[in-house]
């Protein structure tokens, strides 16, 4: 339902992945939990899904909605589009982080709406 980002100052991870993203997930009216991930984890998820789509369909992720893996998702607006810019930029501003959080939230919601992708091991783990 929501993703926020917090810059974490850590000498080991600060330069490569300075932001920790907090994801709030809700299932039905009663169940809600929080998960914390770095951009790297989102990127790893995306790479796993791309490999899965390419293996299952023989097509690229960009043709996902045109292939047999996506019979119920016909609109290209429903296709998960991963925000490719990472947060390794040292001087990224708060507005850019808010945009990224919204993009990641949209991406995850579209993945979860997709009947085949939501069952993938990288999504459920």
C-alpha atoms as a PDB file:
ATOM      1  CA  UNK A   1       0.000   0.000   0.000  1.00  0.00           C
ATOM      2  CA  UNK A   2       2.926   2.341   0.583  1.00  0.00           C
ATOM      3  CA  UNK A   3       6.688   2.603   0.172  1.00  0.00           C
ATOM      4  CA  UNK A   4       8.872   5.128   1.954  1.00  0.00           C
ATOM      5  CA  UNK A   5      12.632   5.640   1.863  1.00  0.00           C
ATOM      6  CA  UNK A   6      15.079   6.619   4.546  1.00  0.00           C
ATOM      7  CA  UNK A   7      18.719   7.443   3.991  1.00  0.00           C
ATOM      8  CA  UNK A   8      20.789   5.207   6.257  1.00  0.00           C
ATOM      9  CA  UNK A   9      24.319   6.280   7.073  1.00  0.00           C
ATOM     10  CA  UNK A  10      26.417   3.151   7.169  1.00  0.00           C
ATOM     11  CA  UNK A  11      30.071   3.114   6.098  1.00  0.00           C
ATOM     12  CA  UNK A  12      29.655  -0.210   4.273  1.00  0.00           C
ATOM     13  CA  UNK A  13      26.409   0.362   2.343  1.00  0.00           C
ATOM     14  CA  UNK A  14      26.124   4.159   2.249  1.00  0.00           C
ATOM     15  CA  UNK A  15      27.796   4.718  -1.107  1.00  0.00           C
ATOM     16  CA  UNK A  16      26.232   1.830  -3.013  1.00  0.00           C
ATOM     17  CA  UNK A  17      22.753   1.670  -1.484  1.00  0.00           C
ATOM     18  CA  UNK A  18      22.183   4.598   0.882  1.00  0.00           C
ATOM     19  CA  UNK A  19      18.387   4.267   1.063  1.00  0.00           C
ATOM     20  CA  UNK A  20      16.385   1.708   2.978  1.00  0.00           C
ATOM     21  CA  UNK A  21      12.870   1.325   1.579  1.00  0.00           C
ATOM     22  CA  UNK A  22      10.027   0.435   3.929  1.00  0.00           C
ATOM     23  CA  UNK A  23       7.192  -1.413   2.227  1.00  0.00           C
ATOM     24  CA  UNK A  24       3.804  -1.632   3.924  1.00  0.00           C
ATOM     25  CA  UNK A  25       1.764  -4.562   2.631  1.00  0.00           C
ATOM     26  CA  UNK A  26      -1.914  -5.141   3.310  1.00  0.00           C
ATOM     27  CA  UNK A  27      -3.902  -8.283   2.566  1.00  0.00           C
ATOM     28  CA  UNK A  28      -7.595  -7.816   3.163  1.00  0.00           C
ATOM     29  CA  UNK A  29      -8.871  -5.609   5.959  1.00  0.00           C
ATOM     30  CA  UNK A  30      -7.049  -7.339   8.825  1.00  0.00           C
ATOM     31  CA  UNK A  31      -3.541  -8.304   7.747  1.00  0.00           C
ATOM     32  CA  UNK A  32      -0.760  -5.736   7.402  1.00  0.00           C
ATOM     33  CA  UNK A  33       2.996  -6.125   7.670  1.00  0.00           C
ATOM     34  CA  UNK A  34       6.168  -4.165   6.978  1.00  0.00           C
ATOM     35  CA  UNK A  35       9.240  -5.230   5.004  1.00  0.00           C
ATOM     36  CA  UNK A  36      12.494  -3.311   4.589  1.00  0.00           C
ATOM     37  CA  UNK A  37      14.527  -3.628   1.386  1.00  0.00           C
ATOM     38  CA  UNK A  38      17.262  -1.800  -0.482  1.00  0.00           C
ATOM     39  CA  UNK A  39      17.085  -0.839  -4.152  1.00  0.00           C
ATOM     40  CA  UNK A  40      19.345  -3.813  -4.892  1.00  0.00           C
ATOM     41  CA  UNK A  41      16.618  -6.184  -3.664  1.00  0.00           C
ATOM     42  CA  UNK A  42      14.057  -4.622  -6.021  1.00  0.00           C
ATOM     43  CA  UNK A  43      16.545  -4.903  -8.868  1.00  0.00           C
ATOM     44  CA  UNK A  44      17.255  -8.572  -8.040  1.00  0.00           C
ATOM     45  CA  UNK A  45      13.510  -9.273  -8.020  1.00  0.00           C
ATOM     46  CA  UNK A  46      13.151  -7.651 -11.421  1.00  0.00           C
ATOM     47  CA  UNK A  47      16.057  -9.641 -12.878  1.00  0.00           C
ATOM     48  CA  UNK A  48      14.473 -12.880 -11.598  1.00  0.00           C
ATOM     49  CA  UNK A  49      11.137 -11.983 -13.159  1.00  0.00           C
ATOM     50  CA  UNK A  50      12.767 -11.071 -16.473  1.00  0.00           C
ATOM     51  CA  UNK A  51      14.567 -14.436 -16.559  1.00  0.00           C
ATOM     52  CA  UNK A  52      11.306 -16.203 -15.730  1.00  0.00           C
ATOM     53  CA  UNK A  53       9.361 -14.436 -18.494  1.00  0.00           C
ATOM     54  CA  UNK A  54      12.111 -15.050 -21.044  1.00  0.00           C
ATOM     55  CA  UNK A  55      12.329 -18.741 -20.092  1.00  0.00           C
ATOM     56  CA  UNK A  56       8.553 -19.295 -20.073  1.00  0.00           C
ATOM     57  CA  UNK A  57       7.698 -17.374 -23.232  1.00  0.00           C
ATOM     58  CA  UNK A  58      10.890 -17.006 -25.229  1.00  0.00           C
ATOM     59  CA  UNK A  59      10.069 -13.287 -25.370  1.00  0.00           C
ATOM     60  CA  UNK A  60      11.389 -10.232 -23.572  1.00  0.00           C
ATOM     61  CA  UNK A  61       9.733  -8.638 -20.547  1.00  0.00           C
ATOM     62  CA  UNK A  62       8.659  -5.723 -22.770  1.00  0.00           C
ATOM     63  CA  UNK A  63       6.479  -8.105 -24.795  1.00  0.00           C
ATOM     64  CA  UNK A  64       4.980  -9.641 -21.653  1.00  0.00           C
ATOM     65  CA  UNK A  65       1.421  -8.512 -22.362  1.00  0.00           C
ATOM     66  CA  UNK A  66       1.588  -9.683 -25.959  1.00  0.00           C
ATOM     67  CA  UNK A  67       2.515 -13.239 -25.025  1.00  0.00           C
ATOM     68  CA  UNK A  68       0.578 -16.239 -23.751  1.00  0.00           C
ATOM     69  CA  UNK A  69       1.852 -15.746 -20.195  1.00  0.00           C
ATOM     70  CA  UNK A  70      -0.489 -12.782 -19.777  1.00  0.00           C
ATOM     71  CA  UNK A  71      -3.935 -13.708 -21.037  1.00  0.00           C
ATOM     72  CA  UNK A  72      -5.746 -11.678 -18.380  1.00  0.00           C
ATOM     73  CA  UNK A  73      -3.612  -8.534 -18.649  1.00  0.00           C
ATOM     74  CA  UNK A  74      -4.209  -6.832 -21.992  1.00  0.00           C
ATOM     75  CA  UNK A  75      -3.490  -3.160 -21.231  1.00  0.00           C
ATOM     76  CA  UNK A  76       0.150  -2.038 -21.496  1.00  0.00           C
ATOM     77  CA  UNK A  77      -0.444   0.245 -18.500  1.00  0.00           C
ATOM     78  CA  UNK A  78      -0.770  -2.939 -16.436  1.00  0.00           C
ATOM     79  CA  UNK A  79       2.701  -4.157 -17.434  1.00  0.00           C
ATOM     80  CA  UNK A  80       5.262  -3.923 -14.616  1.00  0.00           C
ATOM     81  CA  UNK A  81       7.808  -1.262 -15.569  1.00  0.00           C
ATOM     82  CA  UNK A  82      10.870  -1.283 -13.359  1.00  0.00           C
ATOM     83  CA  UNK A  83      12.300   2.140 -12.416  1.00  0.00           C
ATOM     84  CA  UNK A  84      15.812   1.740 -13.783  1.00  0.00           C
ATOM     85  CA  UNK A  85      17.566   4.581 -12.026  1.00  0.00           C
ATOM     86  CA  UNK A  86      19.224   3.463  -8.847  1.00  0.00           C
ATOM     87  CA  UNK A  87      20.005   5.450  -5.726  1.00  0.00           C
ATOM     88  CA  UNK A  88      23.788   5.478  -6.019  1.00  0.00           C
ATOM     89  CA  UNK A  89      23.727   9.182  -6.730  1.00  0.00           C
ATOM     90  CA  UNK A  90      25.071  10.878  -3.636  1.00  0.00           C
ATOM     91  CA  UNK A  91      23.149  14.126  -4.090  1.00  0.00           C
ATOM     92  CA  UNK A  92      19.692  12.851  -4.983  1.00  0.00           C
ATOM     93  CA  UNK A  93      16.932  15.078  -3.606  1.00  0.00           C
ATOM     94  CA  UNK A  94      13.871  14.153  -1.566  1.00  0.00           C
ATOM     95  CA  UNK A  95      11.491  14.792  -4.469  1.00  0.00           C
ATOM     96  CA  UNK A  96      13.364  12.240  -6.616  1.00  0.00           C
ATOM     97  CA  UNK A  97      13.191   9.696  -3.811  1.00  0.00           C
ATOM     98  CA  UNK A  98       9.436  10.241  -3.465  1.00  0.00           C
ATOM     99  CA  UNK A  99       9.020   9.698  -7.218  1.00  0.00           C
ATOM    100  CA  UNK A 100      11.102   6.517  -6.980  1.00  0.00           C
ATOM    101  CA  UNK A 101       9.018   5.235  -4.051  1.00  0.00           C
ATOM    102  CA  UNK A 102       5.845   5.786  -6.071  1.00  0.00           C
ATOM    103  CA  UNK A 103       7.404   4.044  -9.113  1.00  0.00           C
ATOM    104  CA  UNK A 104       8.492   1.067  -7.007  1.00  0.00           C
ATOM    105  CA  UNK A 105       5.042   0.889  -5.434  1.00  0.00           C
ATOM    106  CA  UNK A 106       3.396   0.908  -8.881  1.00  0.00           C
ATOM    107  CA  UNK A 107       5.834  -1.750 -10.075  1.00  0.00           C
ATOM    108  CA  UNK A 108       5.148  -4.069  -7.124  1.00  0.00           C
ATOM    109  CA  UNK A 109       1.381  -3.586  -7.385  1.00  0.00           C
ATOM    110  CA  UNK A 110       1.450  -4.495 -11.091  1.00  0.00           C
ATOM    111  CA  UNK A 111       3.592  -7.549 -10.380  1.00  0.00           C
ATOM    112  CA  UNK A 112       1.125  -8.632  -7.687  1.00  0.00           C
ATOM    113  CA  UNK A 113      -1.830  -8.165 -10.045  1.00  0.00           C
ATOM    114  CA  UNK A 114      -0.237 -10.327 -12.717  1.00  0.00           C
ATOM    115  CA  UNK A 115      -1.527 -13.917 -12.332  1.00  0.00           C
ATOM    116  CA  UNK A 116       1.766 -15.617 -13.247  1.00  0.00           C
ATOM    117  CA  UNK A 117       4.277 -13.179 -11.734  1.00  0.00           C
ATOM    118  CA  UNK A 118       2.683 -12.971  -8.292  1.00  0.00           C
ATOM    119  CA  UNK A 119       3.271 -16.703  -7.793  1.00  0.00           C
ATOM    120  CA  UNK A 120       6.967 -16.567  -8.660  1.00  0.00           C
ATOM    121  CA  UNK A 121       9.296 -17.616  -5.816  1.00  0.00           C
ATOM    122  CA  UNK A 122      11.148 -14.275  -5.909  1.00  0.00           C
ATOM    123  CA  UNK A 123       7.872 -12.431  -5.247  1.00  0.00           C
ATOM    124  CA  UNK A 124       6.560 -14.616  -2.441  1.00  0.00           C
ATOM    125  CA  UNK A 125       9.858 -14.943  -0.583  1.00  0.00           C
END
